[in-house]
N, C-alpha and C. Protein backbone atom coordinates (compact mmCIF):
# COMPACT_ATOMS: atom_id res chain seq x y z
N MET A 1 23.18 131.25 112.03
CA MET A 1 23.30 129.84 112.33
C MET A 1 22.54 129.05 111.21
N GLU A 2 23.30 128.11 110.64
CA GLU A 2 22.63 127.26 109.61
C GLU A 2 21.68 126.27 110.16
N CYS A 3 20.66 126.06 109.43
CA CYS A 3 19.62 125.01 109.81
C CYS A 3 19.72 123.84 108.90
N GLN A 4 20.07 122.72 109.54
CA GLN A 4 20.15 121.43 108.81
C GLN A 4 18.86 120.71 108.82
N SER A 5 18.28 120.44 107.66
CA SER A 5 17.08 119.69 107.52
C SER A 5 17.42 118.20 107.79
N SER A 6 16.47 117.48 108.42
CA SER A 6 16.69 116.07 108.65
C SER A 6 16.20 115.23 107.50
N LEU A 7 15.61 115.89 106.46
CA LEU A 7 15.11 115.21 105.35
C LEU A 7 16.18 114.99 104.28
N ASN A 8 17.15 114.12 104.56
CA ASN A 8 18.33 114.00 103.67
C ASN A 8 18.29 112.82 102.78
N ASP A 9 17.19 112.06 102.71
CA ASP A 9 17.05 110.92 101.83
C ASP A 9 15.90 111.21 100.89
N PRO A 10 16.14 111.55 99.58
CA PRO A 10 15.11 111.94 98.69
C PRO A 10 14.21 110.77 98.26
N THR A 11 14.60 109.54 98.67
CA THR A 11 13.77 108.31 98.21
C THR A 11 12.75 107.98 99.26
N THR A 12 12.84 108.64 100.53
CA THR A 12 11.94 108.30 101.58
C THR A 12 10.64 108.95 101.46
N LEU A 13 9.53 108.23 101.61
CA LEU A 13 8.17 108.85 101.71
C LEU A 13 8.03 109.69 102.93
N ILE A 14 7.50 110.88 102.78
CA ILE A 14 7.21 111.76 103.93
C ILE A 14 5.70 111.78 104.18
N VAL A 15 5.29 111.49 105.39
CA VAL A 15 3.87 111.46 105.82
C VAL A 15 3.70 112.61 106.87
N ALA A 16 2.75 113.57 106.52
CA ALA A 16 2.64 114.74 107.29
C ALA A 16 1.35 114.75 108.22
N ASP A 17 1.54 115.14 109.35
CA ASP A 17 0.41 115.34 110.36
C ASP A 17 -0.41 116.60 110.01
N THR A 18 -1.54 116.73 110.64
CA THR A 18 -2.41 117.85 110.39
C THR A 18 -1.74 119.21 110.54
N SER A 19 -1.04 119.34 111.65
CA SER A 19 -0.41 120.63 111.93
C SER A 19 0.61 121.02 110.82
N VAL A 20 1.32 120.06 110.23
CA VAL A 20 2.19 120.26 109.14
C VAL A 20 1.49 120.79 107.96
N ALA A 21 0.45 120.13 107.66
CA ALA A 21 -0.35 120.54 106.44
C ALA A 21 -0.94 121.95 106.61
N ILE A 22 -1.34 122.31 107.85
CA ILE A 22 -1.86 123.67 108.12
C ILE A 22 -0.69 124.64 107.97
N ASN A 23 0.39 124.32 108.54
CA ASN A 23 1.55 125.24 108.50
C ASN A 23 2.02 125.49 107.04
N LEU A 24 2.16 124.46 106.23
CA LEU A 24 2.57 124.59 104.87
C LEU A 24 1.56 125.44 104.10
N ASN A 25 0.25 125.24 104.31
CA ASN A 25 -0.75 126.09 103.67
C ASN A 25 -0.60 127.55 104.11
N ALA A 26 -0.26 127.73 105.37
CA ALA A 26 -0.19 129.10 105.86
C ALA A 26 1.00 129.83 105.25
N THR A 27 1.99 129.14 104.74
CA THR A 27 3.12 129.89 104.16
C THR A 27 2.70 130.59 102.91
N GLY A 28 1.67 130.19 102.23
CA GLY A 28 1.23 130.75 101.00
C GLY A 28 1.98 130.14 99.79
N PHE A 29 2.92 129.28 100.06
CA PHE A 29 3.74 128.69 98.96
C PHE A 29 3.79 127.23 98.95
N ALA A 30 2.70 126.56 99.45
CA ALA A 30 2.68 125.13 99.65
C ALA A 30 2.96 124.42 98.29
N ALA A 31 2.43 124.79 97.15
CA ALA A 31 2.60 124.15 95.89
C ALA A 31 4.09 124.25 95.53
N SER A 32 4.68 125.40 95.65
CA SER A 32 6.05 125.60 95.29
C SER A 32 7.00 124.79 96.20
N ILE A 33 6.64 124.74 97.47
CA ILE A 33 7.40 123.98 98.36
C ILE A 33 7.40 122.45 98.07
N LEU A 34 6.25 121.92 97.84
CA LEU A 34 6.15 120.53 97.49
C LEU A 34 6.71 120.21 96.13
N GLU A 35 6.68 121.09 95.22
CA GLU A 35 7.19 120.87 93.93
C GLU A 35 8.83 120.78 93.98
N ALA A 36 9.36 121.62 94.88
CA ALA A 36 10.77 121.66 95.08
C ALA A 36 11.31 120.40 95.90
N LEU A 37 10.47 119.92 96.80
CA LEU A 37 10.86 118.83 97.67
C LEU A 37 11.07 117.54 96.90
N PRO A 38 12.12 116.88 96.88
CA PRO A 38 12.28 115.68 96.04
C PRO A 38 11.52 114.46 96.56
N ASN A 39 11.14 114.43 97.79
CA ASN A 39 10.44 113.30 98.32
C ASN A 39 8.95 113.25 97.97
N ARG A 40 8.37 112.06 97.86
CA ARG A 40 6.91 111.86 97.79
C ARG A 40 6.37 112.32 99.09
N PHE A 41 5.17 112.96 99.12
CA PHE A 41 4.59 113.58 100.24
C PHE A 41 3.19 113.04 100.31
N ALA A 42 2.83 112.59 101.54
CA ALA A 42 1.48 112.00 101.68
C ALA A 42 0.86 112.49 103.07
N VAL A 43 -0.46 112.40 103.15
CA VAL A 43 -1.21 112.49 104.35
C VAL A 43 -2.12 111.37 104.41
N VAL A 44 -2.45 110.91 105.65
CA VAL A 44 -3.39 109.78 105.92
C VAL A 44 -4.76 110.35 105.81
N GLU A 45 -5.75 109.43 105.67
CA GLU A 45 -7.08 109.83 105.54
C GLU A 45 -7.55 110.61 106.81
N GLU A 46 -7.06 110.20 107.99
CA GLU A 46 -7.45 110.80 109.26
C GLU A 46 -7.13 112.25 109.31
N VAL A 47 -5.95 112.58 108.71
CA VAL A 47 -5.53 113.97 108.58
C VAL A 47 -6.44 114.78 107.68
N ALA A 48 -6.74 114.20 106.47
CA ALA A 48 -7.64 114.80 105.61
C ALA A 48 -8.97 115.06 106.18
N LEU A 49 -9.52 114.16 107.04
CA LEU A 49 -10.80 114.30 107.71
C LEU A 49 -10.66 115.48 108.78
N GLU A 50 -9.54 115.53 109.48
CA GLU A 50 -9.38 116.62 110.42
C GLU A 50 -9.34 117.99 109.78
N LEU A 51 -8.78 118.03 108.64
CA LEU A 51 -8.82 119.35 107.85
C LEU A 51 -10.27 119.65 107.37
N GLU A 52 -10.97 118.58 106.95
CA GLU A 52 -12.30 118.77 106.58
C GLU A 52 -13.11 119.39 107.77
N ASN A 53 -12.90 118.81 108.93
CA ASN A 53 -13.63 119.25 110.12
C ASN A 53 -13.25 120.72 110.45
N GLY A 54 -12.17 121.22 109.96
CA GLY A 54 -11.76 122.62 110.21
C GLY A 54 -12.63 123.64 109.46
N ARG A 55 -13.50 123.12 108.53
CA ARG A 55 -14.37 124.06 107.84
C ARG A 55 -15.34 124.76 108.78
N CYS A 56 -15.79 124.07 109.76
CA CYS A 56 -16.69 124.64 110.71
C CYS A 56 -16.15 125.85 111.53
N HIS A 57 -14.81 125.92 111.48
CA HIS A 57 -14.15 126.98 112.23
C HIS A 57 -13.61 128.03 111.19
N GLY A 58 -14.08 127.96 109.93
CA GLY A 58 -13.73 128.91 108.94
C GLY A 58 -12.37 128.69 108.29
N ARG A 59 -11.79 127.46 108.46
CA ARG A 59 -10.50 127.25 107.90
C ARG A 59 -10.67 126.60 106.43
N ASN A 60 -9.73 126.98 105.53
CA ASN A 60 -9.77 126.50 104.19
C ASN A 60 -8.68 125.46 103.84
N ASP A 61 -8.11 124.85 104.89
CA ASP A 61 -6.98 123.94 104.67
C ASP A 61 -7.45 122.67 103.92
N ALA A 62 -8.66 122.25 104.03
CA ALA A 62 -9.12 121.09 103.24
C ALA A 62 -9.09 121.46 101.80
N ASP A 63 -9.54 122.64 101.39
CA ASP A 63 -9.50 123.09 99.97
C ASP A 63 -8.10 123.05 99.47
N ALA A 64 -7.16 123.61 100.29
CA ALA A 64 -5.75 123.62 99.88
C ALA A 64 -5.19 122.25 99.67
N LEU A 65 -5.56 121.35 100.54
CA LEU A 65 -5.07 119.98 100.36
C LEU A 65 -5.66 119.34 99.15
N ASN A 66 -6.96 119.56 98.85
CA ASN A 66 -7.52 118.99 97.67
C ASN A 66 -6.88 119.52 96.38
N THR A 67 -6.52 120.69 96.44
CA THR A 67 -5.81 121.28 95.28
C THR A 67 -4.49 120.69 95.03
N LEU A 68 -3.78 120.45 96.15
CA LEU A 68 -2.43 119.84 96.06
C LEU A 68 -2.57 118.34 95.61
N VAL A 69 -3.62 117.68 96.04
CA VAL A 69 -3.89 116.29 95.62
C VAL A 69 -4.13 116.21 94.10
N ALA A 70 -5.03 117.12 93.67
CA ALA A 70 -5.43 117.17 92.24
C ALA A 70 -4.21 117.46 91.33
N ALA A 71 -3.27 118.26 91.95
CA ALA A 71 -2.00 118.52 91.15
C ALA A 71 -0.99 117.51 91.23
N GLY A 72 -1.21 116.41 91.98
CA GLY A 72 -0.27 115.42 92.11
C GLY A 72 0.77 115.64 93.02
N ARG A 73 0.77 116.67 93.92
CA ARG A 73 1.80 117.00 94.92
C ARG A 73 1.65 116.21 96.21
N VAL A 74 0.41 115.78 96.50
CA VAL A 74 0.21 115.02 97.80
C VAL A 74 -0.66 113.83 97.46
N ASP A 75 -0.28 112.67 98.12
CA ASP A 75 -1.08 111.44 98.00
C ASP A 75 -1.90 111.28 99.34
N ILE A 76 -3.18 110.86 99.21
CA ILE A 76 -3.93 110.49 100.37
C ILE A 76 -3.71 108.98 100.56
N VAL A 77 -3.30 108.56 101.76
CA VAL A 77 -3.02 107.09 102.00
C VAL A 77 -3.88 106.55 103.13
N ARG A 78 -4.05 105.24 103.18
CA ARG A 78 -4.94 104.57 104.13
C ARG A 78 -4.09 103.61 104.98
N LEU A 79 -4.44 103.51 106.18
CA LEU A 79 -3.83 102.49 107.10
C LEU A 79 -4.22 101.09 106.61
N GLY A 80 -3.26 100.09 106.62
CA GLY A 80 -3.54 98.79 106.51
C GLY A 80 -3.60 98.08 107.83
N ASN A 81 -3.59 96.80 107.86
CA ASN A 81 -3.81 96.07 109.17
C ASN A 81 -2.58 96.29 110.13
N PRO A 82 -1.35 96.17 109.71
CA PRO A 82 -0.28 96.46 110.70
C PRO A 82 -0.37 97.92 111.15
N GLY A 83 -0.67 98.86 110.34
CA GLY A 83 -0.72 100.23 110.73
C GLY A 83 -1.84 100.47 111.68
N LEU A 84 -2.97 99.73 111.50
CA LEU A 84 -4.10 99.89 112.40
C LEU A 84 -3.82 99.39 113.80
N GLU A 85 -2.90 98.44 113.89
CA GLU A 85 -2.45 97.93 115.30
C GLU A 85 -1.67 99.07 115.95
N TYR A 86 -0.73 99.68 115.20
CA TYR A 86 0.02 100.81 115.77
C TYR A 86 -0.92 101.92 116.17
N PHE A 87 -1.84 102.24 115.31
CA PHE A 87 -2.85 103.24 115.54
C PHE A 87 -3.66 103.10 116.83
N THR A 88 -4.11 101.84 116.99
CA THR A 88 -4.93 101.53 118.20
C THR A 88 -4.03 101.70 119.51
N SER A 89 -2.80 101.31 119.44
CA SER A 89 -1.98 101.46 120.61
C SER A 89 -1.69 102.96 120.95
N LEU A 90 -1.82 103.82 119.91
CA LEU A 90 -1.44 105.25 120.07
C LEU A 90 -2.70 106.04 120.55
N VAL A 91 -3.90 105.45 120.37
CA VAL A 91 -5.10 106.24 120.76
C VAL A 91 -5.73 105.59 122.02
N SER A 92 -5.14 104.52 122.53
CA SER A 92 -5.72 103.84 123.67
C SER A 92 -4.88 104.11 124.96
N GLY A 93 -5.53 104.43 126.06
CA GLY A 93 -4.67 104.64 127.30
C GLY A 93 -5.03 106.02 127.94
N SER A 94 -4.13 106.36 128.83
CA SER A 94 -4.31 107.62 129.52
C SER A 94 -4.08 108.81 128.59
N ALA A 95 -4.59 109.97 128.89
CA ALA A 95 -4.51 111.16 128.10
C ALA A 95 -3.03 111.58 127.90
N ALA A 96 -2.19 111.35 128.89
CA ALA A 96 -0.78 111.74 128.76
C ALA A 96 -0.05 110.80 127.77
N GLU A 97 -0.57 109.60 127.49
CA GLU A 97 0.12 108.66 126.63
C GLU A 97 -0.58 108.38 125.36
N THR A 98 -1.59 109.18 124.95
CA THR A 98 -2.29 108.92 123.78
C THR A 98 -2.27 110.21 122.91
N LEU A 99 -2.55 110.00 121.59
CA LEU A 99 -2.54 111.07 120.66
C LEU A 99 -3.89 111.19 119.90
N ASP A 100 -4.09 112.32 119.29
CA ASP A 100 -5.31 112.47 118.45
C ASP A 100 -5.19 111.62 117.23
N ASP A 101 -6.31 111.43 116.53
CA ASP A 101 -6.33 110.44 115.37
C ASP A 101 -5.36 110.88 114.31
N GLY A 102 -5.22 112.07 114.00
CA GLY A 102 -4.31 112.48 112.87
C GLY A 102 -2.90 112.19 113.18
N GLU A 103 -2.43 112.59 114.40
CA GLU A 103 -1.01 112.22 114.78
C GLU A 103 -0.83 110.73 114.88
N ALA A 104 -1.76 110.06 115.44
CA ALA A 104 -1.60 108.59 115.64
C ALA A 104 -1.58 107.87 114.35
N ALA A 105 -2.38 108.29 113.31
CA ALA A 105 -2.48 107.65 112.08
C ALA A 105 -1.14 107.92 111.33
N THR A 106 -0.67 109.17 111.43
CA THR A 106 0.57 109.57 110.73
C THR A 106 1.66 108.74 111.11
N ILE A 107 1.83 108.59 112.46
CA ILE A 107 2.93 107.80 112.99
C ILE A 107 2.76 106.29 112.59
N ALA A 108 1.57 105.82 112.73
CA ALA A 108 1.33 104.41 112.41
C ALA A 108 1.68 104.06 111.00
N TYR A 109 1.21 104.96 110.05
CA TYR A 109 1.55 104.64 108.61
C TYR A 109 3.04 104.77 108.40
N ALA A 110 3.73 105.66 109.05
CA ALA A 110 5.19 105.78 108.78
C ALA A 110 5.87 104.54 109.40
N LEU A 111 5.39 104.03 110.52
CA LEU A 111 5.99 102.86 111.11
C LEU A 111 5.82 101.59 110.16
N ASP A 112 4.60 101.56 109.57
CA ASP A 112 4.23 100.40 108.74
C ASP A 112 5.06 100.45 107.41
N HIS A 113 5.30 101.63 106.92
CA HIS A 113 5.89 101.74 105.55
C HIS A 113 7.33 102.27 105.49
N GLY A 114 7.97 102.34 106.66
CA GLY A 114 9.40 102.81 106.72
C GLY A 114 9.49 104.26 106.25
N ALA A 115 8.43 105.05 106.43
CA ALA A 115 8.37 106.43 106.05
C ALA A 115 8.93 107.38 107.15
N THR A 116 9.07 108.68 106.83
CA THR A 116 9.36 109.69 107.79
C THR A 116 8.12 110.40 108.16
N ALA A 117 7.88 110.41 109.52
CA ALA A 117 6.67 111.18 110.03
C ALA A 117 7.00 112.60 110.34
N LEU A 118 6.20 113.45 109.76
CA LEU A 118 6.39 114.93 110.15
C LEU A 118 5.37 115.26 111.15
N ILE A 119 5.79 115.49 112.37
CA ILE A 119 4.94 115.88 113.44
C ILE A 119 5.56 117.00 114.22
N ASP A 120 4.77 117.95 114.64
CA ASP A 120 5.28 119.25 115.26
C ASP A 120 5.06 119.19 116.83
N GLU A 121 4.07 118.45 117.28
CA GLU A 121 3.66 118.60 118.65
C GLU A 121 4.68 117.88 119.55
N ARG A 122 4.95 118.51 120.73
CA ARG A 122 5.95 117.91 121.68
C ARG A 122 5.59 116.57 122.21
N LYS A 123 4.31 116.36 122.58
CA LYS A 123 3.88 115.06 123.15
C LYS A 123 4.07 113.94 122.18
N ALA A 124 3.71 114.20 120.89
CA ALA A 124 3.87 113.20 119.87
C ALA A 124 5.30 112.84 119.64
N ASN A 125 6.19 113.83 119.64
CA ASN A 125 7.61 113.54 119.50
C ASN A 125 8.14 112.80 120.74
N ARG A 126 7.65 113.11 121.90
CA ARG A 126 8.15 112.36 123.08
C ARG A 126 7.69 110.91 123.00
N ILE A 127 6.49 110.69 122.61
CA ILE A 127 5.99 109.30 122.53
C ILE A 127 6.73 108.49 121.49
N CYS A 128 7.01 109.10 120.39
CA CYS A 128 7.81 108.43 119.35
C CYS A 128 9.14 108.05 119.90
N ALA A 129 9.87 109.04 120.49
CA ALA A 129 11.21 108.77 121.05
C ALA A 129 11.19 107.66 122.10
N GLU A 130 10.17 107.58 122.90
CA GLU A 130 10.11 106.52 123.94
C GLU A 130 9.67 105.20 123.45
N ARG A 131 8.88 105.10 122.39
CA ARG A 131 8.39 103.82 121.97
C ARG A 131 9.00 103.26 120.65
N TYR A 132 9.34 104.22 119.81
CA TYR A 132 9.82 103.68 118.46
C TYR A 132 11.12 104.33 118.07
N ASP A 133 12.16 103.71 118.54
CA ASP A 133 13.53 104.26 118.35
C ASP A 133 13.99 104.17 116.92
N THR A 134 13.34 103.38 116.11
CA THR A 134 13.80 103.26 114.74
C THR A 134 13.05 104.27 113.77
N LEU A 135 12.03 104.85 114.25
CA LEU A 135 11.17 105.77 113.46
C LEU A 135 11.86 107.06 113.22
N VAL A 136 11.95 107.46 111.97
CA VAL A 136 12.57 108.78 111.63
C VAL A 136 11.40 109.84 111.60
N THR A 137 11.61 110.88 112.40
CA THR A 137 10.65 111.92 112.43
C THR A 137 11.27 113.26 112.03
N GLY A 138 10.39 114.17 111.63
CA GLY A 138 10.77 115.55 111.26
C GLY A 138 9.71 116.43 111.62
N CYS A 139 9.80 117.73 111.24
CA CYS A 139 8.82 118.70 111.56
C CYS A 139 8.69 119.68 110.31
N THR A 140 7.77 120.63 110.46
CA THR A 140 7.57 121.64 109.32
C THR A 140 8.84 122.35 108.97
N ILE A 141 9.66 122.74 110.00
CA ILE A 141 10.87 123.40 109.68
C ILE A 141 11.86 122.59 108.93
N ASP A 142 11.81 121.27 108.98
CA ASP A 142 12.68 120.40 108.21
C ASP A 142 12.30 120.52 106.68
N VAL A 143 11.02 120.71 106.47
CA VAL A 143 10.64 120.93 105.04
C VAL A 143 11.04 122.34 104.63
N LEU A 144 10.80 123.35 105.34
CA LEU A 144 11.11 124.73 104.98
C LEU A 144 12.55 124.94 104.87
N SER A 145 13.43 124.29 105.63
CA SER A 145 14.85 124.46 105.59
C SER A 145 15.58 123.55 104.63
N HIS A 146 14.80 122.71 103.90
CA HIS A 146 15.43 121.75 102.96
C HIS A 146 16.09 122.58 101.86
N ASP A 147 17.32 122.19 101.44
CA ASP A 147 18.13 122.94 100.52
C ASP A 147 17.34 123.18 99.20
N GLU A 148 16.59 122.18 98.74
CA GLU A 148 15.85 122.40 97.47
C GLU A 148 14.71 123.37 97.60
N VAL A 149 14.13 123.41 98.72
CA VAL A 149 12.99 124.33 99.02
C VAL A 149 13.60 125.75 99.15
N ARG A 150 14.68 125.85 99.88
CA ARG A 150 15.32 127.19 100.03
C ARG A 150 15.74 127.81 98.71
N ALA A 151 16.26 126.92 97.90
CA ALA A 151 16.75 127.44 96.59
C ALA A 151 15.54 127.83 95.72
N ALA A 152 14.44 127.08 95.79
CA ALA A 152 13.28 127.43 94.99
C ALA A 152 12.62 128.65 95.45
N LEU A 153 12.50 128.94 96.71
CA LEU A 153 11.85 130.10 97.23
C LEU A 153 12.68 131.35 97.18
N GLY A 154 13.98 131.14 97.53
CA GLY A 154 14.79 132.29 97.73
C GLY A 154 14.62 132.83 99.15
N GLN A 155 15.58 133.64 99.59
CA GLN A 155 15.58 134.12 101.04
C GLN A 155 14.37 134.96 101.39
N SER A 156 13.95 135.80 100.54
CA SER A 156 12.89 136.74 100.86
C SER A 156 11.55 135.98 100.97
N ARG A 157 11.20 135.22 99.96
CA ARG A 157 9.95 134.40 100.02
C ARG A 157 9.93 133.47 101.17
N LEU A 158 11.12 132.77 101.35
CA LEU A 158 11.23 131.78 102.48
C LEU A 158 10.92 132.51 103.81
N ALA A 159 11.56 133.69 104.02
CA ALA A 159 11.26 134.43 105.29
C ALA A 159 9.87 134.76 105.45
N ASP A 160 9.24 135.22 104.36
CA ASP A 160 7.76 135.58 104.41
C ASP A 160 6.94 134.35 104.71
N GLY A 161 7.26 133.20 104.07
CA GLY A 161 6.51 131.94 104.30
C GLY A 161 6.63 131.41 105.76
N VAL A 162 7.88 131.42 106.31
CA VAL A 162 8.06 131.02 107.64
C VAL A 162 7.34 132.00 108.59
N PHE A 163 7.38 133.23 108.39
CA PHE A 163 6.60 134.18 109.32
C PHE A 163 5.07 133.84 109.20
N ASP A 164 4.56 133.65 107.96
CA ASP A 164 3.18 133.35 107.85
C ASP A 164 2.76 132.05 108.50
N ALA A 165 3.67 131.08 108.44
CA ALA A 165 3.37 129.83 109.15
C ALA A 165 3.40 129.92 110.65
N LEU A 166 4.18 130.85 111.17
CA LEU A 166 4.24 131.10 112.56
C LEU A 166 3.03 131.97 112.99
N TYR A 167 2.81 132.95 112.28
CA TYR A 167 1.72 133.95 112.62
C TYR A 167 0.34 133.42 112.46
N HIS A 168 0.08 132.83 111.25
CA HIS A 168 -1.20 132.36 110.89
C HIS A 168 -1.45 130.86 111.28
N GLY A 169 -0.37 130.04 111.00
CA GLY A 169 -0.52 128.62 111.33
C GLY A 169 -0.14 128.24 112.77
N ARG A 170 0.43 129.19 113.50
CA ARG A 170 0.96 128.98 114.88
C ARG A 170 1.89 127.79 114.90
N MET A 171 2.86 127.72 113.96
CA MET A 171 3.79 126.70 113.83
C MET A 171 4.70 126.66 115.05
N ARG A 172 4.89 125.38 115.59
CA ARG A 172 5.84 125.17 116.66
C ARG A 172 7.23 124.94 116.03
N VAL A 173 8.25 125.44 116.74
CA VAL A 173 9.61 125.45 116.28
C VAL A 173 10.48 124.63 117.33
N PRO A 174 11.08 123.53 117.01
CA PRO A 174 11.98 122.89 117.92
C PRO A 174 13.08 123.85 118.46
N PRO A 175 13.48 123.66 119.68
CA PRO A 175 14.53 124.60 120.23
C PRO A 175 15.78 124.70 119.33
N LYS A 176 16.19 123.60 118.79
CA LYS A 176 17.44 123.65 117.98
C LYS A 176 17.36 124.49 116.71
N HIS A 177 16.10 124.85 116.32
CA HIS A 177 15.84 125.62 115.13
C HIS A 177 15.57 127.08 115.46
N LEU A 178 15.39 127.47 116.67
CA LEU A 178 14.83 128.77 116.99
C LEU A 178 15.75 129.90 116.53
N ASN A 179 17.10 129.72 116.66
CA ASN A 179 17.95 130.81 116.21
C ASN A 179 17.90 131.09 114.74
N TRP A 180 17.77 129.91 113.98
CA TRP A 180 17.69 130.08 112.49
C TRP A 180 16.41 130.75 112.07
N VAL A 181 15.26 130.46 112.73
CA VAL A 181 14.01 131.01 112.43
C VAL A 181 13.99 132.53 112.75
N VAL A 182 14.50 132.89 113.90
CA VAL A 182 14.55 134.27 114.26
C VAL A 182 15.47 135.14 113.39
N ASN A 183 16.63 134.62 113.05
CA ASN A 183 17.51 135.26 112.13
C ASN A 183 16.92 135.36 110.80
N LEU A 184 16.14 134.40 110.34
CA LEU A 184 15.51 134.45 109.04
C LEU A 184 14.52 135.54 108.95
N ILE A 185 13.58 135.55 109.96
CA ILE A 185 12.38 136.48 109.79
C ILE A 185 12.70 137.84 110.44
N GLY A 186 13.66 137.87 111.29
CA GLY A 186 14.00 139.19 112.00
C GLY A 186 13.28 139.32 113.29
N HIS A 187 13.87 140.03 114.25
CA HIS A 187 13.36 140.16 115.62
C HIS A 187 12.00 140.87 115.60
N GLU A 188 11.82 141.85 114.83
CA GLU A 188 10.55 142.60 114.83
C GLU A 188 9.40 141.67 114.49
N ARG A 189 9.57 140.83 113.42
CA ARG A 189 8.43 139.94 113.11
C ARG A 189 8.35 138.74 114.13
N ALA A 190 9.48 138.38 114.71
CA ALA A 190 9.43 137.28 115.68
C ALA A 190 8.63 137.72 116.91
N ALA A 191 8.67 139.06 117.26
CA ALA A 191 7.95 139.51 118.35
C ALA A 191 6.38 139.40 118.15
N GLN A 192 5.91 139.22 116.95
CA GLN A 192 4.56 139.11 116.62
C GLN A 192 4.00 137.62 116.65
N CYS A 193 4.92 136.68 116.87
CA CYS A 193 4.55 135.25 116.70
C CYS A 193 4.35 134.56 118.03
N ALA A 194 3.14 134.37 118.48
CA ALA A 194 2.80 133.88 119.75
C ALA A 194 3.23 132.46 119.88
N SER A 195 3.50 131.72 118.84
CA SER A 195 3.89 130.33 118.92
C SER A 195 5.41 130.20 119.28
N LEU A 196 6.16 131.28 119.18
CA LEU A 196 7.53 131.24 119.52
C LEU A 196 7.75 131.47 121.10
N PRO A 197 8.62 130.89 121.69
CA PRO A 197 8.83 131.12 123.16
C PRO A 197 9.14 132.54 123.44
N ARG A 198 8.82 133.02 124.63
CA ARG A 198 9.04 134.36 124.94
C ARG A 198 10.52 134.73 124.95
N SER A 199 11.34 133.75 125.21
CA SER A 199 12.79 133.94 125.28
C SER A 199 13.36 134.57 123.97
N VAL A 200 12.72 134.24 122.86
CA VAL A 200 13.23 134.78 121.58
C VAL A 200 12.37 135.86 120.99
N ARG A 201 11.36 136.30 121.74
CA ARG A 201 10.56 137.39 121.29
C ARG A 201 10.87 138.69 122.04
N PRO A 202 11.45 139.70 121.42
CA PRO A 202 11.90 140.93 122.11
C PRO A 202 10.66 141.61 122.61
N ARG A 203 10.85 142.23 123.77
CA ARG A 203 9.68 142.87 124.38
C ARG A 203 9.55 144.34 123.84
């Protein structure tokens, strides 16, 4: 089954949440992926801070982000006043209706700047669908399945990168993309990926 990426406008800024940055780093091919992707790619300061805080857990994602920023592959962006209003609304309220700072800031910046927000978590996607019907969202798989990225990596490296994002990054995969992912990496490797639902992991 073919996987159609939702990132079909090369002029649109893409703003990635923390989980997306971690997943791309876990592929081992982040620089090649972002070089192939025609869109500008950014993370908000709150995401960069969350990656920095990951150092205490032995994660090197902040170093990987800094390398990509230095190479001009990623921009670090800051919320302005309209974005801060969106951000406040997303972090205030009951636990079921609020998000962590990285997710909230990513969505807020995308709303303020007409960008595409890359978010992998189910709750964040639900809140976006309920509150912001004009916001365009995507996920890590939309980057990895982009035609330009697939052509740049080739089938073998793409499969290895997707497996590593699943196994090491614990990447979440939307239901509509599950068959593509399993067919790409194979059932044997899919069985090793705890972030995939049990229904697609052979026993």
